Amino acid sequence: MARSYMLNSRNETEDGFGFRKAPLRCFTSQAAAKQLVRKDAWKEVDGATFARLLLEETEAFPAIAEENNEAQHHLGLFVHGYNNGWEDSVRRYASIRSQLFDGKQGLGVLVLYTWPSDGNVAGYLPDREDARDCAPDLADVLVALNEHIAKVQRAMVLADTPADRRFCRAKISVIAHSMGSYVMQKALAIASRKLNNPQLVTLIHQLVLVAADVDNDIFQISQPGTSDGALMTNLCYRIGALYSGLDQVLGASAGLKHFGKRRLGRSGLADRDQVHDNVFDLDVTPLIENTPGSAHSAVFSTPEAMALLRRILIGEDRKRLG
């Protein structure tokens, strides 16, 4: 059974994890996907053990020639969205993992970051506060990951022989949904500042924002160089935003407290001709318009949309994506 990984900023309850922020903790599980919603299916481990287990998995990935980078395996992170209790976040994680990361044709290893979303519609404003409060925890993880990548690259440069040169065998990819995109926005901005805005190391190869509950002008080149969007693009090789005008949840978000600012996940980029060159958006409406349920999370339940998500993650050229 493949091992599951969870970074958890939720408080512990008798039968699971709740809606209040707590210090970041690391968990692993080797239970079946259906059992992951049980608290006793997870074992808490310290950060060093968590990192070692992930490193062992990524070092077992096959070595892929650089000219065949689309076949390279991934260390992935999923950040869930608003109105997701802990069990909901685990179910979504297990679904994404089974569709994209598991098996012989899978992308590799996926980690869940679960933050204390209140799990109900009335909790939108508290969720926003929790998302901002949890960003420093996730930023610390990103900084540690960046330092490991930099260490590997330095060792490779200083190696005496080609046999001693150990390339990273995993690309880093992130899927952030809804308000989870706001968590990533703040976490990447904090991480970039802590790392003094590094220019030579790509931390995240593919960041995909699904139904992103962030301002749709965040990546405009007219924004200051110290803005969140500019700092995000500095740490990511490519950022793709999947949006749909069918998303009524984000329609309500824009009117609730953003003073009319459009949401990236509902309207797409404010001006796609004036954004940083490693940012793009795609309208997924044709792929999800006949999917039952909320359009806000329809990407994850539509085979055609999930196939598109996979193509983005492997790094397929944006001109071929649609």
Protein backbone atom coordinates (compact mmCIF):
# COMPACT_ATOMS: atom_id res chain seq x y z
CA MET A 1 0.00 0.00 0.00
CA ALA A 2 1.39 3.40 -0.99
CA ARG A 3 2.22 5.71 1.88
CA SER A 4 0.12 8.85 2.38
CA TYR A 5 1.55 12.09 3.73
CA MET A 6 -0.17 14.91 5.61
CA LEU A 7 0.99 18.28 6.91
CA ASN A 8 -1.65 19.37 9.41
CA SER A 9 -2.29 22.78 11.00
CA ARG A 10 -5.63 21.77 12.58
CA ASN A 11 -6.32 21.20 16.27
CA GLU A 12 -6.76 17.60 17.36
CA THR A 13 -10.20 16.34 18.41
CA GLU A 14 -11.39 13.04 19.84
CA ASP A 15 -12.26 11.56 16.46
CA GLY A 16 -10.22 13.65 14.03
CA PHE A 17 -9.01 17.21 13.53
CA GLY A 18 -11.02 20.37 13.93
CA PHE A 19 -11.49 23.95 12.84
CA ARG A 20 -8.96 25.79 14.98
CA LYS A 21 -5.33 26.52 14.12
CA ALA A 22 -2.68 24.46 15.87
CA PRO A 23 1.10 24.09 15.44
CA LEU A 24 2.05 22.30 12.24
CA ARG A 25 2.37 18.53 12.65
CA CYS A 26 3.45 15.76 10.27
CA PHE A 27 1.59 12.50 9.69
CA THR A 28 1.94 9.45 7.49
CA SER A 29 -0.37 6.53 6.76
CA GLN A 30 -0.24 3.25 4.92
CA ALA A 31 -3.98 2.67 5.15
CA ALA A 32 -6.26 2.21 2.15
CA ALA A 33 -7.76 5.38 0.68
CA LYS A 34 -11.19 4.76 2.23
CA GLN A 35 -9.63 4.49 5.68
CA LEU A 36 -7.78 7.80 5.56
CA VAL A 37 -10.74 9.67 7.04
CA ARG A 38 -10.11 7.81 10.30
CA LYS A 39 -7.82 9.55 12.74
CA ASP A 40 -6.30 6.25 13.84
CA ALA A 41 -5.21 5.56 10.26
CA TRP A 42 -2.56 8.25 10.64
CA LYS A 43 0.68 8.13 12.61
CA GLU A 44 2.35 11.33 13.75
CA VAL A 45 6.07 11.56 12.95
CA ASP A 46 8.64 14.26 13.55
CA GLY A 47 9.70 16.58 10.77
CA ALA A 48 13.02 14.82 10.20
CA THR A 49 11.32 11.44 9.76
CA PHE A 50 8.71 12.96 7.45
CA ALA A 51 11.43 14.49 5.27
CA ARG A 52 13.48 11.27 5.28
CA LEU A 53 10.53 9.15 4.12
CA LEU A 54 9.77 11.57 1.29
CA LEU A 55 13.43 11.68 0.30
CA GLU A 56 13.58 7.87 0.19
CA GLU A 57 10.59 7.82 -2.14
CA THR A 58 11.89 10.52 -4.47
CA GLU A 59 15.36 8.98 -4.62
CA ALA A 60 13.71 5.79 -5.88
CA PHE A 61 12.21 7.68 -8.84
CA PRO A 62 13.77 6.73 -12.18
CA ALA A 63 16.44 9.02 -13.57
CA ILE A 64 14.99 10.83 -16.60
CA ALA A 65 17.01 12.65 -19.25
CA GLU A 66 16.40 16.38 -19.25
CA GLU A 67 15.11 16.34 -22.82
CA ASN A 68 12.30 14.04 -21.62
CA ASN A 69 11.28 16.17 -18.66
CA GLU A 70 7.54 15.52 -19.12
CA ALA A 71 8.20 11.95 -17.97
CA GLN A 72 9.93 13.05 -14.76
CA HIS A 73 8.20 12.11 -11.51
CA HIS A 74 6.75 14.59 -9.05
CA LEU A 75 6.74 15.44 -5.40
CA GLY A 76 3.34 17.07 -5.24
CA LEU A 77 1.44 19.12 -2.69
CA PHE A 78 -2.33 19.57 -2.51
CA VAL A 79 -3.78 22.53 -0.58
CA HIS A 80 -7.56 22.29 -0.15
CA GLY A 81 -10.01 25.15 -0.20
CA TYR A 82 -12.70 26.92 1.74
CA ASN A 83 -15.57 25.05 3.39
CA ASN A 84 -13.57 21.81 3.75
CA GLY A 85 -13.51 19.99 7.06
CA TRP A 86 -10.64 17.60 7.73
CA GLU A 87 -12.46 14.54 6.39
CA ASP A 88 -13.44 16.45 3.23
CA SER A 89 -9.83 17.50 2.65
CA VAL A 90 -8.60 13.92 3.06
CA ARG A 91 -11.24 12.57 0.64
CA ARG A 92 -10.25 15.14 -1.99
CA TYR A 93 -6.57 14.34 -1.45
CA ALA A 94 -7.19 10.61 -1.85
CA SER A 95 -9.20 11.19 -5.03
CA ILE A 96 -6.54 13.39 -6.65
CA ARG A 97 -3.82 10.97 -5.66
CA SER A 98 -5.62 7.97 -7.14
CA GLN A 99 -6.38 9.81 -10.39
CA LEU A 100 -3.02 11.47 -10.97
CA PHE A 101 -0.22 10.23 -8.72
CA ASP A 102 -0.68 6.52 -7.98
CA GLY A 103 0.16 3.48 -10.08
CA LYS A 104 2.70 2.74 -12.80
CA GLN A 105 1.57 5.72 -14.87
CA GLY A 106 1.20 7.98 -11.85
CA LEU A 107 3.10 11.20 -11.32
CA GLY A 108 4.75 10.18 -8.06
CA VAL A 109 4.08 11.21 -4.45
CA LEU A 110 1.41 13.61 -3.20
CA VAL A 111 1.33 15.39 0.18
CA LEU A 112 -1.79 16.94 1.71
CA TYR A 113 -1.59 20.26 3.53
CA THR A 114 -4.74 20.65 5.59
CA TRP A 115 -5.48 23.96 7.28
CA PRO A 116 -8.39 24.79 9.62
CA SER A 117 -11.16 25.65 7.20
CA ASP A 118 -14.41 25.84 9.15
CA GLY A 119 -16.22 23.41 6.87
CA ASN A 120 -19.38 25.49 6.50
CA VAL A 121 -20.59 28.36 4.35
CA ALA A 122 -20.96 30.74 7.32
CA GLY A 123 -17.27 30.32 8.05
CA TYR A 124 -16.01 32.21 4.98
CA LEU A 125 -14.56 35.18 6.85
CA PRO A 126 -12.93 33.09 9.61
CA ASP A 127 -11.54 30.80 6.91
CA ARG A 128 -9.87 33.78 5.26
CA GLU A 129 -8.22 34.69 8.54
CA ASP A 130 -7.14 31.10 9.15
CA ALA A 131 -5.68 30.90 5.64
CA ARG A 132 -3.53 33.96 6.29
CA ASP A 133 -2.51 32.72 9.75
CA CYS A 134 -1.43 29.31 8.40
CA ALA A 135 0.71 30.71 5.58
CA PRO A 136 3.84 31.11 7.75
CA ASP A 137 3.73 27.39 8.64
CA LEU A 138 3.64 26.40 5.00
CA ALA A 139 6.29 29.01 4.17
CA ASP A 140 8.68 27.34 6.61
CA VAL A 141 8.17 24.03 4.78
CA LEU A 142 8.85 25.72 1.43
CA VAL A 143 12.02 27.36 2.76
CA ALA A 144 13.29 24.01 4.05
CA LEU A 145 12.52 22.40 0.70
CA ASN A 146 14.33 25.19 -1.15
CA GLU A 147 17.38 24.75 1.08
CA HIS A 148 17.46 21.02 0.32
CA ILE A 149 17.25 21.65 -3.43
CA ALA A 150 20.03 24.23 -3.21
CA LYS A 151 22.18 21.78 -1.22
CA VAL A 152 21.72 19.07 -3.86
CA GLN A 153 22.61 21.49 -6.64
CA ARG A 154 25.73 22.70 -4.84
CA ALA A 155 26.87 19.11 -4.26
CA MET A 156 26.31 18.34 -7.94
CA VAL A 157 28.45 21.29 -9.04
CA LEU A 158 31.26 20.35 -6.65
CA ALA A 159 31.23 16.62 -7.46
CA ASP A 160 34.59 15.25 -8.60
CA THR A 161 33.19 12.81 -11.17
CA PRO A 162 29.99 12.45 -13.20
CA ALA A 163 29.13 9.37 -11.10
CA ASP A 164 29.03 11.56 -8.00
CA ARG A 165 26.63 14.06 -9.53
CA ARG A 166 23.20 13.35 -8.11
CA PHE A 167 20.48 15.27 -9.90
CA CYS A 168 17.11 15.90 -8.29
CA ARG A 169 14.82 13.16 -9.58
CA ALA A 170 11.56 14.91 -8.66
CA LYS A 171 9.83 17.99 -9.93
CA ILE A 172 7.91 19.95 -7.31
CA SER A 173 4.28 20.57 -8.21
CA VAL A 174 1.41 22.16 -6.28
CA ILE A 175 -2.35 21.99 -6.75
CA ALA A 176 -4.16 24.68 -4.76
CA HIS A 177 -7.96 24.87 -4.73
CA SER A 178 -10.19 27.83 -3.92
CA MET A 179 -8.97 29.62 -0.79
CA GLY A 180 -6.05 27.20 -0.69
CA SER A 181 -4.69 29.40 -3.49
CA TYR A 182 -4.71 32.28 -1.02
CA VAL A 183 -2.77 30.12 1.45
CA MET A 184 -0.18 29.48 -1.30
CA GLN A 185 -0.12 33.16 -2.27
CA LYS A 186 0.79 34.22 1.24
CA ALA A 187 3.12 31.26 1.90
CA LEU A 188 5.14 31.81 -1.28
CA ALA A 189 5.41 35.54 -0.63
CA ILE A 190 6.70 34.91 2.89
CA ALA A 191 9.10 32.21 1.68
CA SER A 192 10.46 34.45 -1.06
CA ARG A 193 11.20 37.21 1.43
CA LYS A 194 12.87 34.77 3.82
CA LEU A 195 15.04 33.50 0.98
CA ASN A 196 15.91 37.05 -0.14
CA ASN A 197 14.04 36.58 -3.42
CA PRO A 198 16.35 33.96 -4.96
CA GLN A 199 16.87 34.19 -8.71
CA LEU A 200 18.78 31.01 -9.56
CA VAL A 201 16.70 28.18 -8.08
CA THR A 202 13.19 27.18 -9.16
CA LEU A 203 11.34 25.97 -6.09
CA ILE A 204 8.02 24.95 -7.69
CA HIS A 205 7.97 23.73 -11.27
CA GLN A 206 4.20 23.77 -11.77
CA LEU A 207 1.73 25.65 -9.57
CA VAL A 208 -1.89 25.08 -10.61
CA LEU A 209 -4.54 27.32 -9.08
CA VAL A 210 -7.97 25.70 -9.42
CA ALA A 211 -10.99 28.01 -8.88
CA ALA A 212 -8.59 30.38 -7.14
CA ASP A 213 -10.12 32.70 -4.56
CA VAL A 214 -7.53 35.44 -5.13
CA ASP A 215 -7.64 38.79 -6.91
CA ASN A 216 -7.51 38.39 -10.68
CA ASP A 217 -4.98 41.22 -11.11
CA ILE A 218 -2.44 39.61 -8.78
CA PHE A 219 -0.02 38.69 -11.59
CA GLN A 220 -0.18 41.91 -13.61
CA ILE A 221 3.26 43.27 -14.40
CA SER A 222 2.05 46.70 -13.27
CA GLN A 223 2.01 45.43 -9.68
CA PRO A 224 5.05 46.36 -7.55
CA GLY A 225 8.01 43.99 -7.57
CA THR A 226 7.41 43.39 -3.87
CA SER A 227 3.77 42.34 -4.37
CA ASP A 228 2.62 38.81 -3.60
CA GLY A 229 2.11 37.96 -7.26
CA ALA A 230 5.60 39.08 -8.27
CA LEU A 231 7.15 37.09 -5.43
CA MET A 232 5.12 34.01 -6.39
CA THR A 233 6.31 34.14 -10.00
CA ASN A 234 9.87 34.43 -8.75
CA LEU A 235 9.72 31.04 -6.99
CA CYS A 236 7.69 29.17 -9.64
CA TYR A 237 8.72 28.03 -13.09
CA ARG A 238 5.11 28.20 -14.28
CA ILE A 239 1.74 29.16 -12.80
CA GLY A 240 -1.52 28.08 -14.42
CA ALA A 241 -4.98 29.22 -13.34
CA LEU A 242 -8.10 27.20 -14.21
CA TYR A 243 -11.25 29.30 -14.15
CA SER A 244 -14.94 29.22 -15.07
CA GLY A 245 -17.68 31.83 -15.16
CA LEU A 246 -20.02 29.10 -13.89
CA ASP A 247 -18.42 29.31 -10.45
CA GLN A 248 -21.14 30.82 -8.26
CA VAL A 249 -19.11 30.35 -5.07
CA LEU A 250 -16.49 32.80 -6.32
CA GLY A 251 -19.22 35.11 -7.56
CA ALA A 252 -20.41 35.38 -3.96
CA SER A 253 -16.82 35.80 -2.74
CA ALA A 254 -16.21 38.81 -4.97
CA GLY A 255 -19.33 40.54 -3.68
CA LEU A 256 -18.84 39.59 -0.05
CA LYS A 257 -15.73 41.48 0.93
CA HIS A 258 -13.41 42.24 -1.94
CA PHE A 259 -14.96 45.57 -2.91
CA GLY A 260 -15.87 44.36 -6.37
CA LYS A 261 -12.45 42.84 -7.15
CA ARG A 262 -12.91 39.95 -9.57
CA ARG A 263 -11.81 36.46 -8.56
CA LEU A 264 -9.10 34.75 -10.63
CA GLY A 265 -10.95 31.44 -10.54
CA ARG A 266 -14.17 32.93 -11.95
CA SER A 267 -12.99 35.60 -14.39
CA GLY A 268 -9.45 34.57 -15.35
CA LEU A 269 -6.55 37.00 -15.50
CA ALA A 270 -7.45 40.68 -15.51
CA ASP A 271 -5.29 41.31 -18.61
CA ARG A 272 -3.52 38.19 -19.85
CA ASP A 273 -1.37 40.24 -22.23
CA GLN A 274 0.14 42.18 -19.32
CA VAL A 275 1.11 39.45 -16.86
CA HIS A 276 4.43 37.86 -15.96
CA ASP A 277 5.51 35.57 -18.80
CA ASN A 278 5.35 32.40 -16.69
CA VAL A 279 1.65 32.84 -15.88
CA PHE A 280 -1.32 31.70 -17.96
CA ASP A 281 -5.01 30.91 -17.53
CA LEU A 282 -7.43 28.44 -19.10
CA ASP A 283 -11.22 28.55 -19.19
CA VAL A 284 -12.41 25.08 -18.15
CA THR A 285 -16.13 25.83 -18.63
CA PRO A 286 -16.46 23.53 -21.69
CA LEU A 287 -15.01 20.68 -19.66
CA ILE A 288 -17.21 21.04 -16.57
CA GLU A 289 -20.48 22.60 -17.72
CA ASN A 290 -22.37 19.29 -17.73
CA THR A 291 -20.92 18.03 -14.45
CA PRO A 292 -23.46 17.61 -11.60
CA GLY A 293 -22.84 19.57 -8.44
CA SER A 294 -20.94 22.76 -7.79
CA ALA A 295 -18.77 24.18 -10.55
CA HIS A 296 -16.40 25.36 -7.82
CA SER A 297 -14.92 21.87 -7.41
CA ALA A 298 -16.04 20.27 -10.69
CA VAL A 299 -12.48 20.06 -12.05
CA PHE A 300 -11.75 17.27 -9.58
CA SER A 301 -14.76 15.17 -10.60
CA THR A 302 -14.54 15.55 -14.37
CA PRO A 303 -12.22 13.16 -16.26
CA GLU A 304 -11.57 15.65 -19.07
CA ALA A 305 -10.62 18.40 -16.60
CA MET A 306 -8.39 16.05 -14.62
CA ALA A 307 -6.67 15.03 -17.86
CA LEU A 308 -5.98 18.72 -18.52
CA LEU A 309 -4.64 19.12 -14.99
CA ARG A 310 -2.25 16.24 -15.59
CA ARG A 311 -1.01 17.79 -18.84
CA ILE A 312 -0.27 21.04 -17.03
CA LEU A 313 1.58 19.28 -14.23
CA ILE A 314 3.86 17.32 -16.55
CA GLY A 315 4.83 20.60 -18.21
CA GLU A 316 3.13 20.34 -21.60
CA ASP A 317 3.56 23.53 -23.61
CA ARG A 318 0.75 25.96 -22.92
CA LYS A 319 0.14 26.49 -26.64
CA ARG A 320 -0.94 22.85 -26.86
CA LEU A 321 -3.22 22.99 -23.83
CA GLY A 322 -6.04 24.92 -25.45
